[in-house]
Amino acid sequence: MADSTPVNAQITDAVTQTNVKVVAEAPAQAIAALYQVASHSTGLALQNAVHSQQALNQISSAVISKAVGLIMAIGEKS
């Protein structure tokens, strides 16, 4: 059953322009979201690298102090 009331041309034009605007902006918003996700994951990777390096530095300090202790113990035995 067809609607007998015609729609104002200005209304259809406004709806059409809004749809075109949304469709035209979608790729830019998708790329922006991709850049944000990539930046965040890069930041997390760098934070993990720094954390690992700090942990290895702590282990290194413990190993060096133990090695120095063993070297000093060799001198005492002789």
PDB file of N, CA and C in Angstrom:
ATOM      1  N   MET A   1       0.839  -1.171   0.000  1.00  0.00           N
ATOM      2  CA  MET A   1       0.000   0.000   0.000  1.00  0.00           C
ATOM      3  C   MET A   1       0.883   1.232   0.000  1.00  0.00           C
ATOM      4  N   ALA A   2       0.788   2.037  -1.017  1.00  0.00           N
ATOM      5  CA  ALA A   2       1.636   3.208  -1.196  1.00  0.00           C
ATOM      6  C   ALA A   2       1.139   4.347  -0.329  1.00  0.00           C
ATOM      7  N   ASP A   3       2.110   5.109   0.166  1.00  0.00           N
ATOM      8  CA  ASP A   3       1.762   6.273   0.976  1.00  0.00           C
ATOM      9  C   ASP A   3       1.392   7.421   0.042  1.00  0.00           C
ATOM     10  N   SER A   4       0.266   8.017   0.278  1.00  0.00           N
ATOM     11  CA  SER A   4      -0.185   9.065  -0.630  1.00  0.00           C
ATOM     12  C   SER A   4       0.379  10.432  -0.274  1.00  0.00           C
ATOM     13  N   THR A   5       1.036  10.555   0.890  1.00  0.00           N
ATOM     14  CA  THR A   5       1.590  11.840   1.291  1.00  0.00           C
ATOM     15  C   THR A   5       3.016  11.949   0.758  1.00  0.00           C
ATOM     16  N   PRO A   6       3.290  12.923  -0.108  1.00  0.00           N
ATOM     17  CA  PRO A   6       4.659  13.062  -0.622  1.00  0.00           C
ATOM     18  C   PRO A   6       5.587  13.621   0.463  1.00  0.00           C
ATOM     19  N   VAL A   7       6.856  13.193   0.401  1.00  0.00           N
ATOM     20  CA  VAL A   7       7.850  13.674   1.349  1.00  0.00           C
ATOM     21  C   VAL A   7       8.485  14.919   0.774  1.00  0.00           C
ATOM     22  N   ASN A   8       8.697  15.877   1.633  1.00  0.00           N
ATOM     23  CA  ASN A   8       9.312  17.136   1.215  1.00  0.00           C
ATOM     24  C   ASN A   8      10.710  16.850   0.654  1.00  0.00           C
ATOM     25  N   ALA A   9      11.041  17.473  -0.441  1.00  0.00           N
ATOM     26  CA  ALA A   9      12.342  17.266  -1.089  1.00  0.00           C
ATOM     27  C   ALA A   9      13.491  17.706  -0.208  1.00  0.00           C
ATOM     28  N   GLN A  10      13.284  18.724   0.613  1.00  0.00           N
ATOM     29  CA  GLN A  10      14.349  19.187   1.514  1.00  0.00           C
ATOM     30  C   GLN A  10      14.673  18.118   2.567  1.00  0.00           C
ATOM     31  N   ILE A  11      13.662  17.399   3.015  1.00  0.00           N
ATOM     32  CA  ILE A  11      13.892  16.350   4.013  1.00  0.00           C
ATOM     33  C   ILE A  11      14.683  15.207   3.400  1.00  0.00           C
ATOM     34  N   THR A  12      14.289  14.748   2.228  1.00  0.00           N
ATOM     35  CA  THR A  12      15.029  13.658   1.586  1.00  0.00           C
ATOM     36  C   THR A  12      16.454  14.086   1.259  1.00  0.00           C
ATOM     37  N   ASP A  13      16.642  15.332   0.867  1.00  0.00           N
ATOM     38  CA  ASP A  13      17.996  15.830   0.571  1.00  0.00           C
ATOM     39  C   ASP A  13      18.839  15.859   1.843  1.00  0.00           C
ATOM     40  N   ALA A  14      18.252  16.291   2.965  1.00  0.00           N
ATOM     41  CA  ALA A  14      18.996  16.339   4.222  1.00  0.00           C
ATOM     42  C   ALA A  14      19.394  14.939   4.674  1.00  0.00           C
ATOM     43  N   VAL A  15      18.475  13.987   4.555  1.00  0.00           N
ATOM     44  CA  VAL A  15      18.785  12.606   4.947  1.00  0.00           C
ATOM     45  C   VAL A  15      19.866  12.031   4.044  1.00  0.00           C
ATOM     46  N   THR A  16      19.769  12.299   2.751  1.00  0.00           N
ATOM     47  CA  THR A  16      20.767  11.797   1.800  1.00  0.00           C
ATOM     48  C   THR A  16      22.142  12.393   2.083  1.00  0.00           C
ATOM     49  N   GLN A  17      22.198  13.695   2.353  1.00  0.00           N
ATOM     50  CA  GLN A  17      23.482  14.339   2.641  1.00  0.00           C
ATOM     51  C   GLN A  17      24.094  13.808   3.934  1.00  0.00           C
ATOM     52  N   THR A  18      23.256  13.548   4.926  1.00  0.00           N
ATOM     53  CA  THR A  18      23.758  12.985   6.184  1.00  0.00           C
ATOM     54  C   THR A  18      24.334  11.593   5.958  1.00  0.00           C
ATOM     55  N   ASN A  19      23.655  10.781   5.183  1.00  0.00           N
ATOM     56  CA  ASN A  19      24.154   9.432   4.891  1.00  0.00           C
ATOM     57  C   ASN A  19      25.472   9.483   4.131  1.00  0.00           C
ATOM     58  N   VAL A  20      25.567  10.386   3.166  1.00  0.00           N
ATOM     59  CA  VAL A  20      26.806  10.519   2.394  1.00  0.00           C
ATOM     60  C   VAL A  20      27.942  10.974   3.297  1.00  0.00           C
ATOM     61  N   LYS A  21      27.658  11.903   4.210  1.00  0.00           N
ATOM     62  CA  LYS A  21      28.692  12.399   5.128  1.00  0.00           C
ATOM     63  C   LYS A  21      29.204  11.275   6.030  1.00  0.00           C
ATOM     64  N   VAL A  22      28.287  10.466   6.553  1.00  0.00           N
ATOM     65  CA  VAL A  22      28.684   9.362   7.433  1.00  0.00           C
ATOM     66  C   VAL A  22      29.528   8.345   6.672  1.00  0.00           C
ATOM     67  N   VAL A  23      29.104   8.004   5.475  1.00  0.00           N
ATOM     68  CA  VAL A  23      29.849   7.030   4.674  1.00  0.00           C
ATOM     69  C   VAL A  23      31.213   7.582   4.270  1.00  0.00           C
ATOM     70  N   ALA A  24      31.285   8.881   3.999  1.00  0.00           N
ATOM     71  CA  ALA A  24      32.558   9.489   3.586  1.00  0.00           C
ATOM     72  C   ALA A  24      33.544   9.572   4.744  1.00  0.00           C
ATOM     73  N   GLU A  25      33.056   9.745   5.972  1.00  0.00           N
ATOM     74  CA  GLU A  25      33.953   9.878   7.123  1.00  0.00           C
ATOM     75  C   GLU A  25      34.389   8.537   7.694  1.00  0.00           C
ATOM     76  N   ALA A  26      33.733   7.465   7.339  1.00  0.00           N
ATOM     77  CA  ALA A  26      34.033   6.155   7.927  1.00  0.00           C
ATOM     78  C   ALA A  26      35.477   5.703   7.703  1.00  0.00           C
ATOM     79  N   PRO A  27      36.051   5.829   6.493  1.00  0.00           N
ATOM     80  CA  PRO A  27      37.446   5.380   6.335  1.00  0.00           C
ATOM     81  C   PRO A  27      38.430   6.175   7.196  1.00  0.00           C
ATOM     82  N   ALA A  28      38.224   7.469   7.321  1.00  0.00           N
ATOM     83  CA  ALA A  28      39.122   8.286   8.131  1.00  0.00           C
ATOM     84  C   ALA A  28      39.036   7.891   9.603  1.00  0.00           C
ATOM     85  N   GLN A  29      37.835   7.623  10.077  1.00  0.00           N
ATOM     86  CA  GLN A  29      37.688   7.208  11.467  1.00  0.00           C
ATOM     87  C   GLN A  29      38.281   5.820  11.699  1.00  0.00           C
ATOM     88  N   ALA A  30      38.163   4.948  10.717  1.00  0.00           N
ATOM     89  CA  ALA A  30      38.748   3.614  10.851  1.00  0.00           C
ATOM     90  C   ALA A  30      40.273   3.691  10.908  1.00  0.00           C
ATOM     91  N   ILE A  31      40.866   4.518  10.069  1.00  0.00           N
ATOM     92  CA  ILE A  31      42.329   4.684  10.089  1.00  0.00           C
ATOM     93  C   ILE A  31      42.775   5.319  11.403  1.00  0.00           C
ATOM     94  N   ALA A  32      42.012   6.282  11.900  1.00  0.00           N
ATOM     95  CA  ALA A  32      42.359   6.909  13.180  1.00  0.00           C
ATOM     96  C   ALA A  32      42.324   5.889  14.306  1.00  0.00           C
ATOM     97  N   ALA A  33      41.313   5.036  14.311  1.00  0.00           N
ATOM     98  CA  ALA A  33      41.238   3.989  15.334  1.00  0.00           C
ATOM     99  C   ALA A  33      42.408   3.016  15.194  1.00  0.00           C
ATOM    100  N   LEU A  34      42.772   2.691  13.962  1.00  0.00           N
ATOM    101  CA  LEU A  34      43.911   1.795  13.723  1.00  0.00           C
ATOM    102  C   LEU A  34      45.201   2.416  14.248  1.00  0.00           C
ATOM    103  N   TYR A  35      45.403   3.714  14.002  1.00  0.00           N
ATOM    104  CA  TYR A  35      46.602   4.394  14.497  1.00  0.00           C
ATOM    105  C   TYR A  35      46.643   4.402  16.019  1.00  0.00           C
ATOM    106  N   GLN A  36      45.492   4.606  16.656  1.00  0.00           N
ATOM    107  CA  GLN A  36      45.460   4.609  18.112  1.00  0.00           C
ATOM    108  C   GLN A  36      45.805   3.233  18.673  1.00  0.00           C
ATOM    109  N   VAL A  37      45.273   2.188  18.073  1.00  0.00           N
ATOM    110  CA  VAL A  37      45.557   0.835  18.542  1.00  0.00           C
ATOM    111  C   VAL A  37      47.034   0.498  18.323  1.00  0.00           C
ATOM    112  N   ALA A  38      47.569   0.893  17.176  1.00  0.00           N
ATOM    113  CA  ALA A  38      48.984   0.616  16.891  1.00  0.00           C
ATOM    114  C   ALA A  38      49.893   1.369  17.863  1.00  0.00           C
ATOM    115  N   SER A  39      49.555   2.631  18.156  1.00  0.00           N
ATOM    116  CA  SER A  39      50.354   3.408  19.104  1.00  0.00           C
ATOM    117  C   SER A  39      50.302   2.797  20.499  1.00  0.00           C
ATOM    118  N   HIS A  40      49.131   2.358  20.904  1.00  0.00           N
ATOM    119  CA  HIS A  40      48.989   1.763  22.228  1.00  0.00           C
ATOM    120  C   HIS A  40      49.785   0.467  22.343  1.00  0.00           C
ATOM    121  N   SER A  41      49.706  -0.370  21.311  1.00  0.00           N
ATOM    122  CA  SER A  41      50.438  -1.641  21.374  1.00  0.00           C
ATOM    123  C   SER A  41      51.944  -1.410  21.326  1.00  0.00           C
ATOM    124  N   THR A  42      52.384  -0.398  20.592  1.00  0.00           N
ATOM    125  CA  THR A  42      53.819  -0.068  20.573  1.00  0.00           C
ATOM    126  C   THR A  42      54.273   0.414  21.941  1.00  0.00           C
ATOM    127  N   GLY A  43      53.453   1.231  22.573  1.00  0.00           N
ATOM    128  CA  GLY A  43      53.782   1.704  23.920  1.00  0.00           C
ATOM    129  C   GLY A  43      53.872   0.561  24.910  1.00  0.00           C
ATOM    130  N   LEU A  44      52.937  -0.381  24.829  1.00  0.00           N
ATOM    131  CA  LEU A  44      52.978  -1.544  25.721  1.00  0.00           C
ATOM    132  C   LEU A  44      54.229  -2.391  25.469  1.00  0.00           C
ATOM    133  N   ALA A  45      54.597  -2.529  24.200  1.00  0.00           N
ATOM    134  CA  ALA A  45      55.801  -3.304  23.884  1.00  0.00           C
ATOM    135  C   ALA A  45      57.045  -2.644  24.478  1.00  0.00           C
ATOM    136  N   LEU A  46      57.112  -1.330  24.397  1.00  0.00           N
ATOM    137  CA  LEU A  46      58.264  -0.626  24.972  1.00  0.00           C
ATOM    138  C   LEU A  46      58.269  -0.726  26.495  1.00  0.00           C
ATOM    139  N   GLN A  47      57.095  -0.645  27.100  1.00  0.00           N
ATOM    140  CA  GLN A  47      57.037  -0.799  28.557  1.00  0.00           C
ATOM    141  C   GLN A  47      57.491  -2.200  28.972  1.00  0.00           C
ATOM    142  N   ASN A  48      57.089  -3.206  28.221  1.00  0.00           N
ATOM    143  CA  ASN A  48      57.518  -4.579  28.533  1.00  0.00           C
ATOM    144  C   ASN A  48      59.026  -4.730  28.364  1.00  0.00           C
ATOM    145  N   ALA A  49      59.587  -4.077  27.349  1.00  0.00           N
ATOM    146  CA  ALA A  49      61.028  -4.153  27.133  1.00  0.00           C
ATOM    147  C   ALA A  49      61.786  -3.501  28.285  1.00  0.00           C
ATOM    148  N   VAL A  50      61.306  -2.357  28.740  1.00  0.00           N
ATOM    149  CA  VAL A  50      61.954  -1.679  29.864  1.00  0.00           C
ATOM    150  C   VAL A  50      61.854  -2.523  31.127  1.00  0.00           C
ATOM    151  N   HIS A  51      60.696  -3.109  31.356  1.00  0.00           N
ATOM    152  CA  HIS A  51      60.521  -3.954  32.547  1.00  0.00           C
ATOM    153  C   HIS A  51      61.458  -5.154  32.506  1.00  0.00           C
ATOM    154  N   SER A  52      61.573  -5.780  31.351  1.00  0.00           N
ATOM    155  CA  SER A  52      62.475  -6.937  31.221  1.00  0.00           C
ATOM    156  C   SER A  52      63.924  -6.533  31.450  1.00  0.00           C
ATOM    157  N   GLN A  53      64.286  -5.370  30.925  1.00  0.00           N
ATOM    158  CA  GLN A  53      65.661  -4.899  31.102  1.00  0.00           C
ATOM    159  C   GLN A  53      65.941  -4.615  32.580  1.00  0.00           C
ATOM    160  N   GLN A  54      64.995  -4.030  33.278  1.00  0.00           N
ATOM    161  CA  GLN A  54      65.192  -3.767  34.706  1.00  0.00           C
ATOM    162  C   GLN A  54      65.300  -5.065  35.497  1.00  0.00           C
ATOM    163  N   ALA A  55      64.485  -6.040  35.135  1.00  0.00           N
ATOM    164  CA  ALA A  55      64.557  -7.328  35.828  1.00  0.00           C
ATOM    165  C   ALA A  55      65.909  -7.999  35.585  1.00  0.00           C
ATOM    166  N   LEU A  56      66.402  -7.925  34.346  1.00  0.00           N
ATOM    167  CA  LEU A  56      67.714  -8.512  34.049  1.00  0.00           C
ATOM    168  C   LEU A  56      68.831  -7.766  34.779  1.00  0.00           C
ATOM    169  N   ASN A  57      68.688  -6.461  34.961  1.00  0.00           N
ATOM    170  CA  ASN A  57      69.688  -5.705  35.713  1.00  0.00           C
ATOM    171  C   ASN A  57      69.718  -6.143  37.176  1.00  0.00           C
ATOM    172  N   GLN A  58      68.557  -6.410  37.743  1.00  0.00           N
ATOM    173  CA  GLN A  58      68.525  -6.891  39.132  1.00  0.00           C
ATOM    174  C   GLN A  58      69.170  -8.264  39.247  1.00  0.00           C
ATOM    175  N   ILE A  59      68.868  -9.138  38.300  1.00  0.00           N
ATOM    176  CA  ILE A  59      69.485 -10.470  38.310  1.00  0.00           C
ATOM    177  C   ILE A  59      70.993 -10.350  38.118  1.00  0.00           C
ATOM    178  N   SER A  60      71.400  -9.453  37.240  1.00  0.00           N
ATOM    179  CA  SER A  60      72.828  -9.252  36.986  1.00  0.00           C
ATOM    180  C   SER A  60      73.549  -8.785  38.247  1.00  0.00           C
ATOM    181  N   SER A  61      72.933  -7.881  38.976  1.00  0.00           N
ATOM    182  CA  SER A  61      73.552  -7.409  40.222  1.00  0.00           C
ATOM    183  C   SER A  61      73.701  -8.546  41.226  1.00  0.00           C
ATOM    184  N   ALA A  62      72.709  -9.393  41.325  1.00  0.00           N
ATOM    185  CA  ALA A  62      72.786 -10.527  42.251  1.00  0.00           C
ATOM    186  C   ALA A  62      73.872 -11.504  41.830  1.00  0.00           C
ATOM    187  N   VAL A  63      73.971 -11.776  40.541  1.00  0.00           N
ATOM    188  CA  VAL A  63      74.994 -12.702  40.044  1.00  0.00           C
ATOM    189  C   VAL A  63      76.386 -12.138  40.279  1.00  0.00           C
ATOM    190  N   ILE A  64      76.555 -10.854  40.039  1.00  0.00           N
ATOM    191  CA  ILE A  64      77.879 -10.243  40.236  1.00  0.00           C
ATOM    192  C   ILE A  64      78.276 -10.278  41.707  1.00  0.00           C
ATOM    193  N   SER A  65      77.334  -9.962  42.577  1.00  0.00           N
ATOM    194  CA  SER A  65      77.681  -9.983  44.007  1.00  0.00           C
ATOM    195  C   SER A  65      78.013 -11.401  44.477  1.00  0.00           C
ATOM    196  N   LYS A  66      77.295 -12.394  43.974  1.00  0.00           N
ATOM    197  CA  LYS A  66      77.607 -13.783  44.327  1.00  0.00           C
ATOM    198  C   LYS A  66      78.973 -14.187  43.778  1.00  0.00           C
ATOM    199  N   ALA A  67      79.282 -13.779  42.533  1.00  0.00           N
ATOM    200  CA  ALA A  67      80.583 -14.110  41.945  1.00  0.00           C
ATOM    201  C   ALA A  67      81.718 -13.449  42.710  1.00  0.00           C
ATOM    202  N   VAL A  68      81.526 -12.211  43.114  1.00  0.00           N
ATOM    203  CA  VAL A  68      82.563 -11.528  43.899  1.00  0.00           C
ATOM    204  C   VAL A  68      82.746 -12.234  45.244  1.00  0.00           C
ATOM    205  N   GLY A  69      81.627 -12.648  45.842  1.00  0.00           N
ATOM    206  CA  GLY A  69      81.725 -13.391  47.103  1.00  0.00           C
ATOM    207  C   GLY A  69      82.491 -14.686  46.934  1.00  0.00           C
ATOM    208  N   LEU A  70      82.262 -15.417  45.832  1.00  0.00           N
ATOM    209  CA  LEU A  70      82.997 -16.657  45.597  1.00  0.00           C
ATOM    210  C   LEU A  70      84.475 -16.386  45.350  1.00  0.00           C
ATOM    211  N   ILE A  71      84.782 -15.325  44.619  1.00  0.00           N
ATOM    212  CA  ILE A  71      86.187 -14.980  44.375  1.00  0.00           C
ATOM    213  C   ILE A  71      86.888 -14.620  45.692  1.00  0.00           C
ATOM    214  N   MET A  72      86.166 -13.872  46.525  1.00  0.00           N
ATOM    215  CA  MET A  72      86.772 -13.499  47.820  1.00  0.00           C
ATOM    216  C   MET A  72      86.974 -14.743  48.702  1.00  0.00           C
ATOM    217  N   ALA A  73      86.074 -15.702  48.600  1.00  0.00           N
ATOM    218  CA  ALA A  73      86.200 -16.932  49.393  1.00  0.00           C
ATOM    219  C   ALA A  73      87.386 -17.750  48.943  1.00  0.00           C
ATOM    220  N   ILE A  74      87.723 -17.709  47.652  1.00  0.00           N
ATOM    221  CA  ILE A  74      88.903 -18.454  47.161  1.00  0.00           C
ATOM    222  C   ILE A  74      90.160 -17.887  47.774  1.00  0.00           C
ATOM    223  N   GLY A  75      90.254 -16.579  47.909  1.00  0.00           N
ATOM    224  CA  GLY A  75      91.433 -15.954  48.496  1.00  0.00           C
ATOM    225  C   GLY A  75      91.598 -16.302  49.966  1.00  0.00           C
ATOM    226  N   GLU A  76      90.499 -16.517  50.667  1.00  0.00           N
ATOM    227  CA  GLU A  76      90.580 -16.821  52.102  1.00  0.00           C
ATOM    228  C   GLU A  76      91.036 -18.252  52.358  1.00  0.00           C
ATOM    229  N   LYS A  77      90.740 -19.185  51.454  1.00  0.00           N
ATOM    230  CA  LYS A  77      91.089 -20.594  51.635  1.00  0.00           C
ATOM    231  C   LYS A  77      92.582 -20.837  51.467  1.00  0.00           C
ATOM    232  N   SER A  78      93.256 -20.018  50.683  1.00  0.00           N
ATOM    233  CA  SER A  78      94.669 -20.283  50.436  1.00  0.00           C
ATOM    234  C   SER A  78      95.557 -19.904  51.597  1.00  0.00           C
TER     235      SER A  78
END
